[in-house]
PDB file of N, CA and C in Angstrom:
ATOM      1  N   MET A   1      73.456-124.545  48.199  1.00  0.00           N
ATOM      2  CA  MET A   1      74.273-124.915  49.336  1.00  0.00           C
ATOM      3  C   MET A   1      73.660-125.776  50.274  1.00  0.00           C
ATOM      4  N   THR A   2      74.256-126.939  50.788  1.00  0.00           N
ATOM      5  CA  THR A   2      73.716-127.960  51.705  1.00  0.00           C
ATOM      6  C   THR A   2      73.558-127.399  52.947  1.00  0.00           C
ATOM      7  N   LYS A   3      72.451-128.113  53.662  1.00  0.00           N
ATOM      8  CA  LYS A   3      72.597-127.710  55.039  1.00  0.00           C
ATOM      9  C   LYS A   3      73.830-127.879  55.859  1.00  0.00           C
ATOM     10  N   GLN A   4      74.720-128.884  55.499  1.00  0.00           N
ATOM     11  CA  GLN A   4      75.806-129.088  56.228  1.00  0.00           C
ATOM     12  C   GLN A   4      76.845-128.046  55.975  1.00  0.00           C
ATOM     13  N   GLU A   5      77.040-127.472  54.873  1.00  0.00           N
ATOM     14  CA  GLU A   5      77.647-126.335  54.201  1.00  0.00           C
ATOM     15  C   GLU A   5      77.341-124.978  55.061  1.00  0.00           C
ATOM     16  N   ILE A   6      76.062-124.729  55.146  1.00  0.00           N
ATOM     17  CA  ILE A   6      75.287-123.703  56.080  1.00  0.00           C
ATOM     18  C   ILE A   6      75.800-123.910  57.432  1.00  0.00           C
ATOM     19  N   PHE A   7      75.707-124.940  57.979  1.00  0.00           N
ATOM     20  CA  PHE A   7      75.815-125.351  59.260  1.00  0.00           C
ATOM     21  C   PHE A   7      77.386-124.997  59.553  1.00  0.00           C
ATOM     22  N   ASP A   8      78.355-125.428  58.620  1.00  0.00           N
ATOM     23  CA  ASP A   8      79.787-125.265  58.688  1.00  0.00           C
ATOM     24  C   ASP A   8      80.046-123.779  58.791  1.00  0.00           C
ATOM     25  N   LYS A   9      79.543-122.878  57.909  1.00  0.00           N
ATOM     26  CA  LYS A   9      79.668-121.470  57.836  1.00  0.00           C
ATOM     27  C   LYS A   9      79.156-120.625  59.290  1.00  0.00           C
ATOM     28  N   ILE A  10      77.806-121.303  59.600  1.00  0.00           N
ATOM     29  CA  ILE A  10      77.385-120.802  60.859  1.00  0.00           C
ATOM     30  C   ILE A  10      78.252-120.969  62.094  1.00  0.00           C
ATOM     31  N   GLY A  11      78.510-122.211  62.132  1.00  0.00           N
ATOM     32  CA  GLY A  11      79.603-122.691  62.980  1.00  0.00           C
ATOM     33  C   GLY A  11      80.638-121.849  63.416  1.00  0.00           C
ATOM     34  N   SER A  12      81.313-121.587  62.164  1.00  0.00           N
ATOM     35  CA  SER A  12      82.629-120.815  62.255  1.00  0.00           C
ATOM     36  C   SER A  12      82.397-119.397  62.896  1.00  0.00           C
ATOM     37  N   ILE A  13      81.062-118.796  62.294  1.00  0.00           N
ATOM     38  CA  ILE A  13      80.799-117.632  62.667  1.00  0.00           C
ATOM     39  C   ILE A  13      80.617-117.511  64.485  1.00  0.00           C
ATOM     40  N   ILE A  14      79.785-118.716  64.848  1.00  0.00           N
ATOM     41  CA  ILE A  14      79.617-118.908  66.304  1.00  0.00           C
ATOM     42  C   ILE A  14      80.874-118.700  67.189  1.00  0.00           C
ATOM     43  N   GLU A  15      81.763-119.787  66.608  1.00  0.00           N
ATOM     44  CA  GLU A  15      82.968-120.055  67.247  1.00  0.00           C
ATOM     45  C   GLU A  15      83.908-118.745  67.464  1.00  0.00           C
ATOM     46  N   ASP A  16      83.814-118.038  66.364  1.00  0.00           N
ATOM     47  CA  ASP A  16      84.454-116.712  66.505  1.00  0.00           C
ATOM     48  C   ASP A  16      83.797-115.614  67.320  1.00  0.00           C
ATOM     49  N   ARG A  17      82.741-115.441  67.034  1.00  0.00           N
ATOM     50  CA  ARG A  17      81.981-114.234  67.850  1.00  0.00           C
ATOM     51  C   ARG A  17      81.571-114.699  69.187  1.00  0.00           C
ATOM     52  N   PHE A  18      81.194-115.826  69.601  1.00  0.00           N
ATOM     53  CA  PHE A  18      80.860-116.128  70.841  1.00  0.00           C
ATOM     54  C   PHE A  18      82.062-116.946  71.693  1.00  0.00           C
ATOM     55  N   GLU A  19      83.239-117.263  70.895  1.00  0.00           N
ATOM     56  CA  GLU A  19      84.212-117.960  71.663  1.00  0.00           C
ATOM     57  C   GLU A  19      84.009-119.331  72.162  1.00  0.00           C
ATOM     58  N   VAL A  20      83.378-120.030  71.244  1.00  0.00           N
ATOM     59  CA  VAL A  20      82.916-121.470  71.711  1.00  0.00           C
ATOM     60  C   VAL A  20      83.604-122.490  70.659  1.00  0.00           C
ATOM     61  N   GLU A  21      84.096-123.493  71.745  1.00  0.00           N
ATOM     62  CA  GLU A  21      84.870-124.598  71.012  1.00  0.00           C
ATOM     63  C   GLU A  21      84.139-125.136  69.944  1.00  0.00           C
ATOM     64  N   HIS A  22      84.832-125.619  69.026  1.00  0.00           N
ATOM     65  CA  HIS A  22      84.025-126.278  67.861  1.00  0.00           C
ATOM     66  C   HIS A  22      83.199-127.496  68.132  1.00  0.00           C
ATOM     67  N   ASP A  23      83.748-128.243  69.028  1.00  0.00           N
ATOM     68  CA  ASP A  23      82.659-129.465  69.226  1.00  0.00           C
ATOM     69  C   ASP A  23      81.598-129.186  70.202  1.00  0.00           C
ATOM     70  N   LYS A  24      81.471-127.912  70.532  1.00  0.00           N
ATOM     71  CA  LYS A  24      80.141-127.594  71.272  1.00  0.00           C
ATOM     72  C   LYS A  24      79.375-127.006  70.344  1.00  0.00           C
ATOM     73  N   VAL A  25      79.556-126.814  69.353  1.00  0.00           N
ATOM     74  CA  VAL A  25      78.603-126.095  68.297  1.00  0.00           C
ATOM     75  C   VAL A  25      77.600-127.378  67.643  1.00  0.00           C
ATOM     76  N   THR A  26      76.503-127.131  67.965  1.00  0.00           N
ATOM     77  CA  THR A  26      75.494-128.169  67.598  1.00  0.00           C
ATOM     78  C   THR A  26      74.200-127.530  67.133  1.00  0.00           C
ATOM     79  N   ASN A  27      73.454-128.297  66.465  1.00  0.00           N
ATOM     80  CA  ASN A  27      72.018-127.737  66.143  1.00  0.00           C
ATOM     81  C   ASN A  27      71.138-127.376  67.147  1.00  0.00           C
ATOM     82  N   ASP A  28      71.206-127.849  68.303  1.00  0.00           N
ATOM     83  CA  ASP A  28      70.504-127.637  69.590  1.00  0.00           C
ATOM     84  C   ASP A  28      70.866-126.541  70.392  1.00  0.00           C
ATOM     85  N   LEU A  29      72.286-125.843  70.058  1.00  0.00           N
ATOM     86  CA  LEU A  29      72.921-124.810  70.952  1.00  0.00           C
ATOM     87  C   LEU A  29      71.693-123.640  70.769  1.00  0.00           C
ATOM     88  N   ASN A  30      71.470-123.084  71.880  1.00  0.00           N
ATOM     89  CA  ASN A  30      70.413-121.973  71.861  1.00  0.00           C
ATOM     90  C   ASN A  30      71.389-120.674  72.172  1.00  0.00           C
ATOM     91  N   PHE A  31      71.045-119.619  71.380  1.00  0.00           N
ATOM     92  CA  PHE A  31      71.910-118.276  71.442  1.00  0.00           C
ATOM     93  C   PHE A  31      71.614-117.594  73.026  1.00  0.00           C
ATOM     94  N   ARG A  32      70.524-117.763  73.548  1.00  0.00           N
ATOM     95  CA  ARG A  32      70.203-117.118  74.557  1.00  0.00           C
ATOM     96  C   ARG A  32      70.554-117.788  75.917  1.00  0.00           C
ATOM     97  N   THR A  33      70.222-119.092  75.925  1.00  0.00           N
ATOM     98  CA  THR A  33      70.597-120.049  77.167  1.00  0.00           C
ATOM     99  C   THR A  33      71.832-120.551  77.029  1.00  0.00           C
ATOM    100  N   ASP A  34      72.356-120.987  75.832  1.00  0.00           N
ATOM    101  CA  ASP A  34      73.704-121.712  75.936  1.00  0.00           C
ATOM    102  C   ASP A  34      74.965-120.553  75.815  1.00  0.00           C
ATOM    103  N   LEU A  35      74.718-119.652  74.813  1.00  0.00           N
ATOM    104  CA  LEU A  35      75.568-118.610  74.495  1.00  0.00           C
ATOM    105  C   LEU A  35      75.449-117.278  75.537  1.00  0.00           C
ATOM    106  N   ASP A  36      74.411-117.013  76.307  1.00  0.00           N
ATOM    107  CA  ASP A  36      74.332-115.942  76.980  1.00  0.00           C
ATOM    108  C   ASP A  36      74.301-114.738  75.970  1.00  0.00           C
ATOM    109  N   ALA A  37      73.789-114.739  74.961  1.00  0.00           N
ATOM    110  CA  ALA A  37      73.801-113.753  73.865  1.00  0.00           C
ATOM    111  C   ALA A  37      72.683-112.778  74.329  1.00  0.00           C
ATOM    112  N   ASP A  38      73.249-111.365  74.569  1.00  0.00           N
ATOM    113  CA  ASP A  38      72.026-110.358  74.789  1.00  0.00           C
ATOM    114  C   ASP A  38      71.604-109.867  73.360  1.00  0.00           C
ATOM    115  N   SER A  39      70.536-108.966  73.439  1.00  0.00           N
ATOM    116  CA  SER A  39      70.157-108.640  72.185  1.00  0.00           C
ATOM    117  C   SER A  39      71.024-107.823  71.161  1.00  0.00           C
ATOM    118  N   ILE A  40      71.987-107.198  71.571  1.00  0.00           N
ATOM    119  CA  ILE A  40      73.018-106.568  70.773  1.00  0.00           C
ATOM    120  C   ILE A  40      73.752-107.628  70.154  1.00  0.00           C
ATOM    121  N   ASP A  41      74.465-108.779  70.916  1.00  0.00           N
ATOM    122  CA  ASP A  41      75.040-109.768  70.423  1.00  0.00           C
ATOM    123  C   ASP A  41      74.191-110.570  69.198  1.00  0.00           C
ATOM    124  N   PHE A  42      72.867-110.542  69.589  1.00  0.00           N
ATOM    125  CA  PHE A  42      72.146-111.517  68.531  1.00  0.00           C
ATOM    126  C   PHE A  42      71.979-110.616  67.190  1.00  0.00           C
ATOM    127  N   VAL A  43      71.628-109.169  67.168  1.00  0.00           N
ATOM    128  CA  VAL A  43      71.576-108.212  66.335  1.00  0.00           C
ATOM    129  C   VAL A  43      73.007-108.493  65.407  1.00  0.00           C
ATOM    130  N   GLU A  44      73.899-108.207  66.051  1.00  0.00           N
ATOM    131  CA  GLU A  44      75.147-108.262  65.260  1.00  0.00           C
ATOM    132  C   GLU A  44      75.426-109.602  64.440  1.00  0.00           C
ATOM    133  N   PHE A  45      75.082-110.688  65.327  1.00  0.00           N
ATOM    134  CA  PHE A  45      75.142-112.201  64.588  1.00  0.00           C
ATOM    135  C   PHE A  45      74.173-112.158  63.217  1.00  0.00           C
ATOM    136  N   ILE A  46      73.074-111.751  63.455  1.00  0.00           N
ATOM    137  CA  ILE A  46      71.983-111.552  62.331  1.00  0.00           C
ATOM    138  C   ILE A  46      72.650-110.648  61.167  1.00  0.00           C
ATOM    139  N   MET A  47      73.118-109.809  61.619  1.00  0.00           N
ATOM    140  CA  MET A  47      73.766-108.717  60.440  1.00  0.00           C
ATOM    141  C   MET A  47      75.011-109.572  59.895  1.00  0.00           C
ATOM    142  N   GLU A  48      75.963-110.300  60.568  1.00  0.00           N
ATOM    143  CA  GLU A  48      76.915-111.152  59.937  1.00  0.00           C
ATOM    144  C   GLU A  48      76.453-112.161  59.243  1.00  0.00           C
ATOM    145  N   LEU A  49      75.250-112.830  59.463  1.00  0.00           N
ATOM    146  CA  LEU A  49      74.587-113.949  58.661  1.00  0.00           C
ATOM    147  C   LEU A  49      74.104-113.357  57.335  1.00  0.00           C
ATOM    148  N   GLU A  50      73.466-111.898  57.525  1.00  0.00           N
ATOM    149  CA  GLU A  50      73.158-111.476  56.173  1.00  0.00           C
ATOM    150  C   GLU A  50      74.263-111.294  55.368  1.00  0.00           C
ATOM    151  N   ASP A  51      75.461-110.804  55.655  1.00  0.00           N
ATOM    152  CA  ASP A  51      76.529-110.461  54.927  1.00  0.00           C
ATOM    153  C   ASP A  51      77.009-111.852  54.326  1.00  0.00           C
ATOM    154  N   THR A  52      77.289-112.780  55.216  1.00  0.00           N
ATOM    155  CA  THR A  52      77.798-114.120  54.762  1.00  0.00           C
ATOM    156  C   THR A  52      76.873-114.496  53.610  1.00  0.00           C
ATOM    157  N   PHE A  53      75.660-114.756  53.850  1.00  0.00           N
ATOM    158  CA  PHE A  53      74.895-115.443  53.042  1.00  0.00           C
ATOM    159  C   PHE A  53      73.961-114.512  51.976  1.00  0.00           C
ATOM    160  N   GLY A  54      74.247-113.296  52.027  1.00  0.00           N
ATOM    161  CA  GLY A  54      73.521-112.306  51.045  1.00  0.00           C
ATOM    162  C   GLY A  54      72.093-112.404  50.983  1.00  0.00           C
ATOM    163  N   ALA A  55      71.599-112.545  52.331  1.00  0.00           N
ATOM    164  CA  ALA A  55      70.184-112.598  52.556  1.00  0.00           C
ATOM    165  C   ALA A  55      69.617-111.671  53.543  1.00  0.00           C
ATOM    166  N   GLU A  56      68.392-111.173  53.536  1.00  0.00           N
ATOM    167  CA  GLU A  56      67.967-110.295  54.341  1.00  0.00           C
ATOM    168  C   GLU A  56      66.859-111.028  55.446  1.00  0.00           C
ATOM    169  N   ILE A  57      67.163-110.947  56.760  1.00  0.00           N
ATOM    170  CA  ILE A  57      66.412-111.668  57.856  1.00  0.00           C
ATOM    171  C   ILE A  57      65.717-110.496  58.385  1.00  0.00           C
ATOM    172  N   SER A  58      64.249-110.686  58.185  1.00  0.00           N
ATOM    173  CA  SER A  58      63.472-109.689  58.876  1.00  0.00           C
ATOM    174  C   SER A  58      63.492-109.986  60.379  1.00  0.00           C
ATOM    175  N   ASP A  59      63.237-108.679  61.239  1.00  0.00           N
ATOM    176  CA  ASP A  59      63.161-108.768  62.678  1.00  0.00           C
ATOM    177  C   ASP A  59      62.331-109.680  63.021  1.00  0.00           C
ATOM    178  N   ASP A  60      61.025-109.859  62.394  1.00  0.00           N
ATOM    179  CA  ASP A  60      60.099-110.778  62.997  1.00  0.00           C
ATOM    180  C   ASP A  60      60.637-112.227  62.916  1.00  0.00           C
ATOM    181  N   ASP A  61      61.238-112.508  61.613  1.00  0.00           N
ATOM    182  CA  ASP A  61      61.926-113.759  61.649  1.00  0.00           C
ATOM    183  C   ASP A  61      62.906-114.102  62.491  1.00  0.00           C
ATOM    184  N   ALA A  62      63.808-113.184  62.687  1.00  0.00           N
ATOM    185  CA  ALA A  62      64.953-113.236  63.411  1.00  0.00           C
ATOM    186  C   ALA A  62      64.406-113.550  64.979  1.00  0.00           C
ATOM    187  N   GLU A  63      63.565-112.797  65.482  1.00  0.00           N
ATOM    188  CA  GLU A  63      62.933-113.277  66.729  1.00  0.00           C
ATOM    189  C   GLU A  63      62.505-114.612  66.980  1.00  0.00           C
ATOM    190  N   LYS A  64      62.285-115.482  65.963  1.00  0.00           N
ATOM    191  CA  LYS A  64      61.899-116.704  66.166  1.00  0.00           C
ATOM    192  C   LYS A  64      63.115-117.649  66.008  1.00  0.00           C
ATOM    193  N   LEU A  65      64.171-117.048  65.702  1.00  0.00           N
ATOM    194  CA  LEU A  65      65.542-118.011  65.497  1.00  0.00           C
ATOM    195  C   LEU A  65      66.064-118.227  66.853  1.00  0.00           C
ATOM    196  N   ASN A  66      66.128-119.132  67.574  1.00  0.00           N
ATOM    197  CA  ASN A  66      66.681-119.692  68.782  1.00  0.00           C
ATOM    198  C   ASN A  66      67.843-120.318  68.844  1.00  0.00           C
ATOM    199  N   THR A  67      67.704-121.326  67.970  1.00  0.00           N
ATOM    200  CA  THR A  67      68.933-122.284  68.081  1.00  0.00           C
ATOM    201  C   THR A  67      69.649-122.231  66.842  1.00  0.00           C
ATOM    202  N   ILE A  68      70.751-122.934  66.615  1.00  0.00           N
ATOM    203  CA  ILE A  68      71.534-123.046  65.373  1.00  0.00           C
ATOM    204  C   ILE A  68      70.771-123.762  64.322  1.00  0.00           C
ATOM    205  N   GLY A  69      70.177-124.869  64.908  1.00  0.00           N
ATOM    206  CA  GLY A  69      69.507-125.646  63.766  1.00  0.00           C
ATOM    207  C   GLY A  69      68.343-124.725  62.974  1.00  0.00           C
ATOM    208  N   GLN A  70      67.538-124.037  63.743  1.00  0.00           N
ATOM    209  CA  GLN A  70      66.710-123.035  63.393  1.00  0.00           C
ATOM    210  C   GLN A  70      67.309-122.056  62.233  1.00  0.00           C
ATOM    211  N   VAL A  71      68.288-121.428  62.690  1.00  0.00           N
ATOM    212  CA  VAL A  71      69.114-120.677  61.719  1.00  0.00           C
ATOM    213  C   VAL A  71      69.463-121.496  60.447  1.00  0.00           C
ATOM    214  N   VAL A  72      70.092-122.601  60.638  1.00  0.00           N
ATOM    215  CA  VAL A  72      70.451-123.399  59.611  1.00  0.00           C
ATOM    216  C   VAL A  72      69.378-123.712  58.466  1.00  0.00           C
ATOM    217  N   ASP A  73      68.088-124.076  59.022  1.00  0.00           N
ATOM    218  CA  ASP A  73      66.818-124.439  58.357  1.00  0.00           C
ATOM    219  C   ASP A  73      66.495-123.017  57.509  1.00  0.00           C
ATOM    220  N   TYR A  74      66.483-121.850  58.380  1.00  0.00           N
ATOM    221  CA  TYR A  74      66.119-120.805  57.873  1.00  0.00           C
ATOM    222  C   TYR A  74      66.589-120.178  56.623  1.00  0.00           C
ATOM    223  N   VAL A  75      68.233-120.378  56.663  1.00  0.00           N
ATOM    224  CA  VAL A  75      69.076-119.851  55.736  1.00  0.00           C
ATOM    225  C   VAL A  75      68.827-120.778  54.399  1.00  0.00           C
ATOM    226  N   TYR A  76      68.601-122.109  54.723  1.00  0.00           N
ATOM    227  CA  TYR A  76      68.588-123.225  53.778  1.00  0.00           C
ATOM    228  C   TYR A  76      67.256-122.860  53.143  1.00  0.00           C
ATOM    229  N   ASP A  77      66.233-122.475  53.678  1.00  0.00           N
ATOM    230  CA  ASP A  77      64.832-122.271  52.953  1.00  0.00           C
ATOM    231  C   ASP A  77      64.678-120.889  52.260  1.00  0.00           C
ATOM    232  N   HIS A  78      65.758-120.084  52.614  1.00  0.00           N
ATOM    233  CA  HIS A  78      65.368-118.704  52.069  1.00  0.00           C
ATOM    234  C   HIS A  78      66.581-118.361  51.137  1.00  0.00           C
ATOM    235  N   GLN A  79      67.430-119.496  50.816  1.00  0.00           N
ATOM    236  CA  GLN A  79      68.632-119.095  50.044  1.00  0.00           C
ATOM    237  C   GLN A  79      67.915-119.043  48.358  1.00  0.00           C
ATOM    238  N   GLU A  80      68.792-118.311  47.479  1.00  0.00           N
ATOM    239  CA  GLU A  80      68.560-118.187  46.301  1.00  0.00           C
ATOM    240  C   GLU A  80      68.814-119.403  45.476  1.00  0.00           C
ATOM    241  N   THR A  81      67.743-119.754  44.531  1.00  0.00           N
ATOM    242  CA  THR A  81      67.661-121.195  43.996  1.00  0.00           C
ATOM    243  C   THR A  81      68.581-121.056  42.726  1.00  0.00           C
ATOM    244  N   ALA A  82      68.648-119.831  42.157  1.00  0.00           N
ATOM    245  CA  ALA A  82      69.457-119.612  40.965  1.00  0.00           C
ATOM    246  C   ALA A  82      70.833-119.520  41.337  1.00  0.00           C
ATOM    247  N   GLU A  83      71.638-120.555  40.856  1.00  0.00           N
ATOM    248  CA  GLU A  83      73.107-120.283  40.985  1.00  0.00           C
ATOM    249  C   GLU A  83      73.810-120.577  39.875  1.00  0.00           C
TER     250      GLU A  83
END
């Protein structure tokens, strides 16, 4: 999966979960400062990512993910290579 495909999927999740307009979803969008996501919102978002991409994101790794770009890079770097 390309970074653009990952970004598009994550963007759709962000739009639905945080009620953000499509054109506002950028790599620099910050979950805490731009979306006002509290810890429960963020945990639910991470769980949805895990379901969507079939990957497990550790709590330690999740704490380091602040922007959409960081999430895209994380998913891209941790996706299964056997397709």
